[in-house]
Amino acid sequence: MTDIAKIRPGLPPGRAALIAAGLVFLDSILGQVATLPNLVPWYANLVKPGFNPPNAVFGPVWTLLYALMALAFWRILILPEQQGRKLAIMVFLAQLALNVLWSWAFFAAHSPLLGLVDIVPQIILVAATLVLFWRLDRLAGLCLLPLFLWVSYAGALNFAIWRLNG
């Protein structure tokens, strides 16, 4: 048996698209369930730093980030099985889980401290996912660069809100 015959293909593109878009969309919806009911009055009444963006920025930014996450994940799912692919998928799913848990920790629990406890490992996992995806598919890795930058910024914002309201 040749090495070529041993290669297991990735998921079919359509199935991979359903999985990637479905998981990322589910993550988004679960985050919104925790966030939206807590914007007013709780979040609106928090003291925020001067670098806090207007609320209208968050929706478009996260829509773009979720689309890029789904595209990146899809590109990895359609790749043939190879060294590092399973780990990249597991780390992506872990950062996706921390992403939604942040909304529940920060907004639903009304706790900037719990949000901070979540976002620090989340930043590390997003960075790790970016590197792992980059090694397998450069475009997939590049798709996660805006997420890494935004979550890092959100971490600084979360820290400042915790300090100002603690």
N, C-alpha and C. Protein backbone atom coordinates (compact mmCIF):
# COMPACT_ATOMS: atom_id res chain seq x y z
N MET A 1 0.85 -1.17 0.00
CA MET A 1 0.00 0.00 0.00
C MET A 1 0.90 1.24 0.00
N THR A 2 0.64 2.17 -0.90
CA THR A 2 1.46 3.38 -0.98
C THR A 2 1.00 4.39 0.07
N ASP A 3 1.85 5.38 0.29
CA ASP A 3 1.49 6.44 1.24
C ASP A 3 0.26 7.19 0.77
N ILE A 4 0.11 7.35 -0.55
CA ILE A 4 -1.05 8.05 -1.10
C ILE A 4 -2.33 7.32 -0.71
N ALA A 5 -2.32 6.02 -0.77
CA ALA A 5 -3.52 5.24 -0.44
C ALA A 5 -3.88 5.35 1.04
N LYS A 6 -2.92 5.69 1.88
CA LYS A 6 -3.16 5.81 3.31
C LYS A 6 -3.75 7.17 3.69
N ILE A 7 -3.64 8.14 2.80
CA ILE A 7 -4.13 9.48 3.11
C ILE A 7 -5.65 9.47 3.18
N ARG A 8 -6.16 9.96 4.28
CA ARG A 8 -7.61 10.06 4.44
C ARG A 8 -8.01 11.48 4.09
N PRO A 9 -8.97 11.61 3.20
CA PRO A 9 -9.36 12.95 2.78
C PRO A 9 -10.04 13.71 3.91
N GLY A 10 -10.08 15.03 3.74
CA GLY A 10 -10.81 15.86 4.68
C GLY A 10 -12.30 15.70 4.42
N LEU A 11 -13.07 16.46 5.13
CA LEU A 11 -14.53 16.40 4.94
C LEU A 11 -14.90 16.97 3.57
N PRO A 12 -15.98 16.48 3.00
CA PRO A 12 -16.47 17.10 1.76
C PRO A 12 -16.77 18.58 2.03
N PRO A 13 -16.49 19.46 1.06
CA PRO A 13 -16.64 20.91 1.30
C PRO A 13 -18.03 21.33 1.81
N GLY A 14 -19.09 20.76 1.29
CA GLY A 14 -20.43 21.14 1.74
C GLY A 14 -20.67 20.76 3.19
N ARG A 15 -20.28 19.55 3.53
CA ARG A 15 -20.45 19.09 4.93
C ARG A 15 -19.57 19.92 5.87
N ALA A 16 -18.34 20.20 5.43
CA ALA A 16 -17.44 21.03 6.24
C ALA A 16 -18.02 22.42 6.45
N ALA A 17 -18.66 22.97 5.41
CA ALA A 17 -19.27 24.30 5.53
C ALA A 17 -20.40 24.29 6.54
N LEU A 18 -21.22 23.25 6.51
CA LEU A 18 -22.32 23.15 7.49
C LEU A 18 -21.79 23.07 8.91
N ILE A 19 -20.76 22.28 9.10
CA ILE A 19 -20.18 22.12 10.44
C ILE A 19 -19.54 23.43 10.90
N ALA A 20 -18.71 24.01 10.05
CA ALA A 20 -17.99 25.23 10.42
C ALA A 20 -18.96 26.38 10.68
N ALA A 21 -19.84 26.62 9.74
CA ALA A 21 -20.79 27.73 9.90
C ALA A 21 -21.75 27.44 11.05
N GLY A 22 -22.19 26.20 11.18
CA GLY A 22 -23.13 25.85 12.24
C GLY A 22 -22.55 26.04 13.63
N LEU A 23 -21.34 25.58 13.85
CA LEU A 23 -20.73 25.72 15.18
C LEU A 23 -20.44 27.18 15.51
N VAL A 24 -19.94 27.91 14.53
CA VAL A 24 -19.64 29.33 14.78
C VAL A 24 -20.94 30.11 15.00
N PHE A 25 -21.97 29.81 14.22
CA PHE A 25 -23.26 30.48 14.40
C PHE A 25 -23.85 30.16 15.77
N LEU A 26 -23.79 28.90 16.17
CA LEU A 26 -24.27 28.49 17.50
C LEU A 26 -23.53 29.25 18.60
N ASP A 27 -22.22 29.37 18.45
CA ASP A 27 -21.41 30.12 19.40
C ASP A 27 -21.90 31.56 19.51
N SER A 28 -22.16 32.16 18.35
CA SER A 28 -22.64 33.53 18.30
C SER A 28 -24.00 33.68 19.01
N ILE A 29 -24.90 32.79 18.70
CA ILE A 29 -26.25 32.85 19.30
C ILE A 29 -26.19 32.67 20.81
N LEU A 30 -25.43 31.68 21.27
CA LEU A 30 -25.32 31.45 22.71
C LEU A 30 -24.69 32.65 23.42
N GLY A 31 -23.74 33.30 22.77
CA GLY A 31 -23.15 34.51 23.34
C GLY A 31 -24.14 35.65 23.42
N GLN A 32 -24.96 35.79 22.38
CA GLN A 32 -25.96 36.85 22.36
C GLN A 32 -27.04 36.64 23.43
N VAL A 33 -27.38 35.38 23.68
CA VAL A 33 -28.37 35.07 24.72
C VAL A 33 -27.90 35.60 26.08
N ALA A 34 -26.60 35.50 26.32
CA ALA A 34 -26.05 36.00 27.58
C ALA A 34 -25.85 37.51 27.57
N THR A 35 -25.52 38.05 26.42
CA THR A 35 -25.13 39.47 26.32
C THR A 35 -26.31 40.42 26.24
N LEU A 36 -27.19 40.20 25.28
CA LEU A 36 -28.22 41.19 24.96
C LEU A 36 -29.10 41.61 26.15
N PRO A 37 -29.56 40.67 26.99
CA PRO A 37 -30.42 41.11 28.11
C PRO A 37 -29.66 41.90 29.17
N ASN A 38 -28.34 41.91 29.08
CA ASN A 38 -27.54 42.56 30.13
C ASN A 38 -26.86 43.85 29.68
N LEU A 39 -27.15 44.28 28.46
CA LEU A 39 -26.56 45.53 27.98
C LEU A 39 -27.12 46.73 28.73
N VAL A 40 -28.44 46.69 28.96
CA VAL A 40 -29.11 47.76 29.70
C VAL A 40 -29.90 47.10 30.81
N PRO A 41 -29.77 47.51 32.03
CA PRO A 41 -28.98 48.64 32.49
C PRO A 41 -27.58 48.27 32.95
N TRP A 42 -27.28 46.95 33.14
CA TRP A 42 -26.03 46.59 33.80
C TRP A 42 -24.80 47.13 33.07
N TYR A 43 -24.57 46.73 31.84
CA TYR A 43 -23.37 47.15 31.11
C TYR A 43 -23.37 48.66 30.87
N ALA A 44 -24.52 49.22 30.58
CA ALA A 44 -24.61 50.66 30.33
C ALA A 44 -24.18 51.48 31.55
N ASN A 45 -24.38 50.93 32.74
CA ASN A 45 -24.05 51.66 33.97
C ASN A 45 -22.62 51.44 34.45
N LEU A 46 -21.87 50.58 33.80
CA LEU A 46 -20.47 50.38 34.20
C LEU A 46 -19.62 51.58 33.81
N VAL A 47 -18.62 51.86 34.61
CA VAL A 47 -17.62 52.87 34.24
C VAL A 47 -16.70 52.21 33.23
N LYS A 48 -16.47 52.89 32.09
CA LYS A 48 -15.66 52.31 31.03
C LYS A 48 -14.48 53.23 30.73
N PRO A 49 -13.39 52.66 30.25
CA PRO A 49 -12.22 53.47 29.92
C PRO A 49 -12.45 54.28 28.64
N GLY A 50 -11.61 55.26 28.41
CA GLY A 50 -11.74 56.11 27.24
C GLY A 50 -11.59 55.38 25.92
N PHE A 51 -10.95 54.21 25.93
CA PHE A 51 -10.76 53.46 24.68
C PHE A 51 -11.88 52.45 24.42
N ASN A 52 -12.96 52.54 25.19
CA ASN A 52 -14.12 51.68 24.96
C ASN A 52 -14.84 52.14 23.69
N PRO A 53 -15.04 51.25 22.72
CA PRO A 53 -15.72 51.69 21.50
C PRO A 53 -17.22 51.86 21.73
N PRO A 54 -17.90 52.60 20.85
CA PRO A 54 -19.36 52.69 20.96
C PRO A 54 -19.99 51.32 20.78
N ASN A 55 -21.13 51.10 21.42
CA ASN A 55 -21.81 49.80 21.33
C ASN A 55 -22.08 49.39 19.88
N ALA A 56 -22.30 50.34 19.00
CA ALA A 56 -22.62 50.04 17.59
C ALA A 56 -21.46 49.36 16.86
N VAL A 57 -20.27 49.42 17.40
CA VAL A 57 -19.09 48.80 16.76
C VAL A 57 -19.07 47.28 16.96
N PHE A 58 -19.57 46.82 18.10
CA PHE A 58 -19.43 45.41 18.45
C PHE A 58 -20.12 44.46 17.48
N GLY A 59 -21.33 44.75 17.08
CA GLY A 59 -22.08 43.87 16.18
C GLY A 59 -21.37 43.64 14.84
N PRO A 60 -21.02 44.71 14.12
CA PRO A 60 -20.32 44.51 12.84
C PRO A 60 -18.96 43.82 13.00
N VAL A 61 -18.22 44.19 14.04
CA VAL A 61 -16.91 43.57 14.24
C VAL A 61 -17.07 42.08 14.48
N TRP A 62 -17.98 41.70 15.37
CA TRP A 62 -18.15 40.28 15.68
C TRP A 62 -18.73 39.51 14.50
N THR A 63 -19.57 40.15 13.70
CA THR A 63 -20.08 39.48 12.50
C THR A 63 -18.93 39.12 11.57
N LEU A 64 -18.03 40.07 11.35
CA LEU A 64 -16.85 39.81 10.51
C LEU A 64 -15.96 38.74 11.13
N LEU A 65 -15.73 38.83 12.43
CA LEU A 65 -14.85 37.85 13.10
C LEU A 65 -15.43 36.44 13.03
N TYR A 66 -16.73 36.31 13.24
CA TYR A 66 -17.36 34.99 13.16
C TYR A 66 -17.29 34.45 11.73
N ALA A 67 -17.49 35.30 10.74
CA ALA A 67 -17.38 34.85 9.34
C ALA A 67 -15.97 34.37 9.04
N LEU A 68 -14.97 35.09 9.52
CA LEU A 68 -13.57 34.69 9.31
C LEU A 68 -13.24 33.39 10.06
N MET A 69 -13.80 33.24 11.27
CA MET A 69 -13.58 31.99 12.01
C MET A 69 -14.18 30.81 11.26
N ALA A 70 -15.38 30.97 10.73
CA ALA A 70 -16.03 29.89 9.99
C ALA A 70 -15.23 29.55 8.74
N LEU A 71 -14.76 30.56 8.02
CA LEU A 71 -13.95 30.31 6.82
C LEU A 71 -12.66 29.57 7.17
N ALA A 72 -11.99 30.03 8.21
CA ALA A 72 -10.74 29.38 8.63
C ALA A 72 -10.99 27.92 9.03
N PHE A 73 -12.02 27.70 9.82
CA PHE A 73 -12.33 26.34 10.28
C PHE A 73 -12.69 25.45 9.09
N TRP A 74 -13.48 25.98 8.16
CA TRP A 74 -13.85 25.23 6.96
C TRP A 74 -12.60 24.80 6.19
N ARG A 75 -11.66 25.72 6.03
CA ARG A 75 -10.44 25.39 5.27
C ARG A 75 -9.66 24.25 5.95
N ILE A 76 -9.67 24.22 7.26
CA ILE A 76 -8.97 23.14 7.98
C ILE A 76 -9.75 21.84 7.86
N LEU A 77 -11.06 21.91 7.96
CA LEU A 77 -11.87 20.69 7.89
C LEU A 77 -11.77 19.99 6.53
N ILE A 78 -11.58 20.73 5.45
CA ILE A 78 -11.52 20.09 4.13
C ILE A 78 -10.13 19.55 3.80
N LEU A 79 -9.14 19.89 4.62
CA LEU A 79 -7.79 19.37 4.38
C LEU A 79 -7.75 17.87 4.63
N PRO A 80 -6.91 17.15 3.88
CA PRO A 80 -6.71 15.73 4.20
C PRO A 80 -6.12 15.59 5.61
N GLU A 81 -6.39 14.45 6.23
CA GLU A 81 -5.81 14.22 7.55
C GLU A 81 -4.30 14.28 7.44
N GLN A 82 -3.69 14.99 8.37
CA GLN A 82 -2.24 15.16 8.39
C GLN A 82 -1.82 15.52 9.81
N GLN A 83 -0.54 15.44 10.04
CA GLN A 83 -0.02 15.75 11.37
C GLN A 83 -0.40 17.18 11.75
N GLY A 84 -0.96 17.34 12.91
CA GLY A 84 -1.33 18.64 13.42
C GLY A 84 -2.77 19.06 13.17
N ARG A 85 -3.45 18.38 12.26
CA ARG A 85 -4.83 18.78 11.92
C ARG A 85 -5.79 18.54 13.09
N LYS A 86 -5.74 17.39 13.70
CA LYS A 86 -6.65 17.10 14.82
C LYS A 86 -6.40 18.05 15.98
N LEU A 87 -5.14 18.30 16.28
CA LEU A 87 -4.82 19.24 17.36
C LEU A 87 -5.35 20.63 17.04
N ALA A 88 -5.17 21.08 15.80
CA ALA A 88 -5.66 22.39 15.39
C ALA A 88 -7.18 22.48 15.57
N ILE A 89 -7.88 21.42 15.20
CA ILE A 89 -9.34 21.40 15.35
C ILE A 89 -9.73 21.45 16.83
N MET A 90 -9.05 20.67 17.66
CA MET A 90 -9.37 20.66 19.10
C MET A 90 -9.11 22.02 19.74
N VAL A 91 -8.00 22.65 19.39
CA VAL A 91 -7.68 23.95 19.98
C VAL A 91 -8.67 25.01 19.49
N PHE A 92 -9.05 24.93 18.21
CA PHE A 92 -10.07 25.85 17.69
C PHE A 92 -11.37 25.71 18.48
N LEU A 93 -11.81 24.48 18.69
CA LEU A 93 -13.06 24.25 19.43
C LEU A 93 -12.95 24.73 20.87
N ALA A 94 -11.77 24.59 21.47
CA ALA A 94 -11.57 25.06 22.84
C ALA A 94 -11.66 26.58 22.91
N GLN A 95 -11.04 27.28 21.94
CA GLN A 95 -11.12 28.74 21.97
C GLN A 95 -12.54 29.20 21.67
N LEU A 96 -13.26 28.45 20.83
CA LEU A 96 -14.65 28.77 20.53
C LEU A 96 -15.51 28.64 21.79
N ALA A 97 -15.25 27.61 22.58
CA ALA A 97 -15.97 27.41 23.84
C ALA A 97 -15.68 28.56 24.81
N LEU A 98 -14.42 28.95 24.93
CA LEU A 98 -14.08 30.06 25.82
C LEU A 98 -14.70 31.36 25.33
N ASN A 99 -14.82 31.50 24.02
CA ASN A 99 -15.43 32.69 23.44
C ASN A 99 -16.85 32.85 23.95
N VAL A 100 -17.64 31.80 23.88
CA VAL A 100 -19.04 31.91 24.34
C VAL A 100 -19.10 31.97 25.86
N LEU A 101 -18.23 31.26 26.54
CA LEU A 101 -18.24 31.31 28.01
C LEU A 101 -17.93 32.70 28.53
N TRP A 102 -17.15 33.46 27.79
CA TRP A 102 -16.84 34.83 28.22
C TRP A 102 -18.12 35.65 28.35
N SER A 103 -19.01 35.53 27.38
CA SER A 103 -20.27 36.28 27.43
C SER A 103 -21.07 35.93 28.68
N TRP A 104 -21.05 34.66 29.03
CA TRP A 104 -21.79 34.22 30.23
C TRP A 104 -21.09 34.68 31.50
N ALA A 105 -19.76 34.66 31.50
CA ALA A 105 -19.02 35.09 32.69
C ALA A 105 -19.14 36.60 32.89
N PHE A 106 -18.91 37.35 31.84
CA PHE A 106 -18.90 38.81 31.94
C PHE A 106 -20.32 39.37 32.04
N PHE A 107 -21.16 39.06 31.06
CA PHE A 107 -22.50 39.67 30.99
C PHE A 107 -23.53 38.98 31.87
N ALA A 108 -23.72 37.69 31.68
CA ALA A 108 -24.79 37.00 32.42
C ALA A 108 -24.49 36.96 33.91
N ALA A 109 -23.23 36.75 34.28
CA ALA A 109 -22.87 36.71 35.70
C ALA A 109 -22.57 38.10 36.25
N HIS A 110 -22.59 39.11 35.38
CA HIS A 110 -22.28 40.49 35.78
C HIS A 110 -20.92 40.55 36.48
N SER A 111 -19.93 39.89 35.89
CA SER A 111 -18.64 39.79 36.56
C SER A 111 -17.46 40.06 35.61
N PRO A 112 -16.98 41.29 35.59
CA PRO A 112 -15.77 41.56 34.81
C PRO A 112 -14.58 40.69 35.27
N LEU A 113 -14.55 40.32 36.54
CA LEU A 113 -13.46 39.46 37.01
C LEU A 113 -13.55 38.07 36.37
N LEU A 114 -14.74 37.46 36.36
CA LEU A 114 -14.88 36.16 35.69
C LEU A 114 -14.58 36.27 34.20
N GLY A 115 -14.98 37.38 33.59
CA GLY A 115 -14.65 37.60 32.19
C GLY A 115 -13.15 37.63 31.98
N LEU A 116 -12.44 38.26 32.88
CA LEU A 116 -10.98 38.33 32.80
C LEU A 116 -10.35 36.95 32.98
N VAL A 117 -10.89 36.18 33.90
CA VAL A 117 -10.39 34.81 34.13
C VAL A 117 -10.56 33.97 32.86
N ASP A 118 -11.61 34.23 32.10
CA ASP A 118 -11.86 33.51 30.85
C ASP A 118 -11.01 34.04 29.70
N ILE A 119 -10.88 35.34 29.59
CA ILE A 119 -10.29 35.91 28.38
C ILE A 119 -8.78 35.72 28.29
N VAL A 120 -8.10 35.59 29.42
CA VAL A 120 -6.65 35.38 29.36
C VAL A 120 -6.32 34.05 28.68
N PRO A 121 -6.88 32.92 29.12
CA PRO A 121 -6.60 31.68 28.38
C PRO A 121 -7.19 31.71 26.98
N GLN A 122 -8.27 32.45 26.79
CA GLN A 122 -8.85 32.55 25.45
C GLN A 122 -7.87 33.20 24.48
N ILE A 123 -7.19 34.25 24.89
CA ILE A 123 -6.20 34.91 24.04
C ILE A 123 -5.09 33.92 23.68
N ILE A 124 -4.66 33.14 24.66
CA ILE A 124 -3.61 32.14 24.42
C ILE A 124 -4.08 31.09 23.42
N LEU A 125 -5.32 30.62 23.58
CA LEU A 125 -5.84 29.60 22.66
C LEU A 125 -6.08 30.16 21.25
N VAL A 126 -6.51 31.41 21.15
CA VAL A 126 -6.67 32.01 19.82
C VAL A 126 -5.30 32.11 19.14
N ALA A 127 -4.28 32.53 19.89
CA ALA A 127 -2.93 32.61 19.31
C ALA A 127 -2.45 31.23 18.89
N ALA A 128 -2.68 30.23 19.73
CA ALA A 128 -2.26 28.87 19.40
C ALA A 128 -3.00 28.35 18.17
N THR A 129 -4.30 28.64 18.08
CA THR A 129 -5.08 28.22 16.92
C THR A 129 -4.55 28.90 15.66
N LEU A 130 -4.27 30.17 15.75
CA LEU A 130 -3.72 30.90 14.61
C LEU A 130 -2.45 30.21 14.11
N VAL A 131 -1.54 29.91 15.01
CA VAL A 131 -0.28 29.26 14.63
C VAL A 131 -0.53 27.87 14.04
N LEU A 132 -1.37 27.09 14.70
CA LEU A 132 -1.65 25.73 14.21
C LEU A 132 -2.34 25.76 12.84
N PHE A 133 -3.28 26.67 12.66
CA PHE A 133 -3.94 26.79 11.36
C PHE A 133 -2.94 27.26 10.30
N TRP A 134 -2.10 28.23 10.65
CA TRP A 134 -1.09 28.77 9.72
C TRP A 134 -0.20 27.65 9.19
N ARG A 135 0.19 26.75 10.07
CA ARG A 135 1.06 25.65 9.65
C ARG A 135 0.38 24.72 8.65
N LEU A 136 -0.93 24.62 8.73
CA LEU A 136 -1.68 23.75 7.83
C LEU A 136 -2.17 24.47 6.58
N ASP A 137 -2.54 25.73 6.74
CA ASP A 137 -3.12 26.50 5.64
C ASP A 137 -2.95 27.98 5.98
N ARG A 138 -2.11 28.66 5.25
CA ARG A 138 -1.78 30.05 5.59
C ARG A 138 -3.00 30.97 5.61
N LEU A 139 -3.90 30.80 4.66
CA LEU A 139 -5.09 31.65 4.64
C LEU A 139 -5.95 31.42 5.88
N ALA A 140 -6.07 30.18 6.30
CA ALA A 140 -6.82 29.89 7.53
C ALA A 140 -6.19 30.59 8.72
N GLY A 141 -4.88 30.56 8.79
CA GLY A 141 -4.19 31.26 9.87
C GLY A 141 -4.41 32.76 9.82
N LEU A 142 -4.29 33.32 8.62
CA LEU A 142 -4.48 34.77 8.47
C LEU A 142 -5.91 35.19 8.84
N CYS A 143 -6.87 34.33 8.57
CA CYS A 143 -8.26 34.63 8.92
C CYS A 143 -8.44 34.83 10.43
N LEU A 144 -7.56 34.25 11.22
CA LEU A 144 -7.68 34.36 12.68
C LEU A 144 -6.90 35.53 13.26
N LEU A 145 -6.09 36.20 12.44
CA LEU A 145 -5.33 37.34 12.95
C LEU A 145 -6.25 38.45 13.47
N PRO A 146 -7.31 38.86 12.75
CA PRO A 146 -8.20 39.87 13.33
C PRO A 146 -8.84 39.43 14.65
N LEU A 147 -9.17 38.14 14.76
CA LEU A 147 -9.73 37.63 16.02
C LEU A 147 -8.72 37.78 17.15
N PHE A 148 -7.48 37.41 16.90
CA PHE A 148 -6.45 37.55 17.92
C PHE A 148 -6.29 39.01 18.36
N LEU A 149 -6.25 39.92 17.39
CA LEU A 149 -6.11 41.34 17.72
C LEU A 149 -7.31 41.85 18.51
N TRP A 150 -8.53 41.47 18.09
CA TRP A 150 -9.73 41.94 18.77
C TRP A 150 -9.85 41.35 20.18
N VAL A 151 -9.60 40.07 20.34
CA VAL A 151 -9.72 39.45 21.66
C VAL A 151 -8.64 40.00 22.60
N SER A 152 -7.47 40.30 22.07
CA SER A 152 -6.42 40.93 22.89
C SER A 152 -6.88 42.33 23.34
N TYR A 153 -7.44 43.08 22.41
CA TYR A 153 -8.00 44.39 22.74
C TYR A 153 -9.13 44.24 23.77
N ALA A 154 -10.01 43.26 23.55
CA ALA A 154 -11.10 43.02 24.48
C ALA A 154 -10.57 42.64 25.86
N GLY A 155 -9.45 41.93 25.90
CA GLY A 155 -8.84 41.59 27.18
C GLY A 155 -8.39 42.84 27.93
N ALA A 156 -7.78 43.77 27.21
CA ALA A 156 -7.36 45.04 27.83
C ALA A 156 -8.58 45.83 28.29
N LEU A 157 -9.62 45.83 27.49
CA LEU A 157 -10.85 46.51 27.84
C LEU A 157 -11.51 45.87 29.06
N ASN A 158 -11.56 44.55 29.06
CA ASN A 158 -12.12 43.80 30.20
C ASN A 158 -11.35 44.13 31.48
N PHE A 159 -10.02 44.14 31.38
CA PHE A 159 -9.18 44.46 32.54
C PHE A 159 -9.49 45.87 33.05
N ALA A 160 -9.57 46.83 32.14
CA ALA A 160 -9.84 48.22 32.54
C ALA A 160 -11.22 48.34 33.19
N ILE A 161 -12.21 47.68 32.64
CA ILE A 161 -13.56 47.72 33.23
C ILE A 161 -13.56 47.09 34.62
N TRP A 162 -12.85 46.00 34.78
CA TRP A 162 -12.74 45.36 36.10
C TRP A 162 -12.11 46.33 37.11
N ARG A 163 -11.01 46.96 36.70
CA ARG A 163 -10.31 47.90 37.59
C ARG A 163 -11.17 49.11 37.95
N LEU A 164 -11.88 49.63 36.96
CA LEU A 164 -12.70 50.84 37.18
C LEU A 164 -13.95 50.58 38.01
N ASN A 165 -14.40 49.31 38.02
CA ASN A 165 -15.66 48.99 38.69
C ASN A 165 -15.48 48.05 39.88
N GLY A 166 -14.24 47.71 40.20
CA GLY A 166 -13.97 46.75 41.27
C GLY A 166 -14.07 47.30 42.65
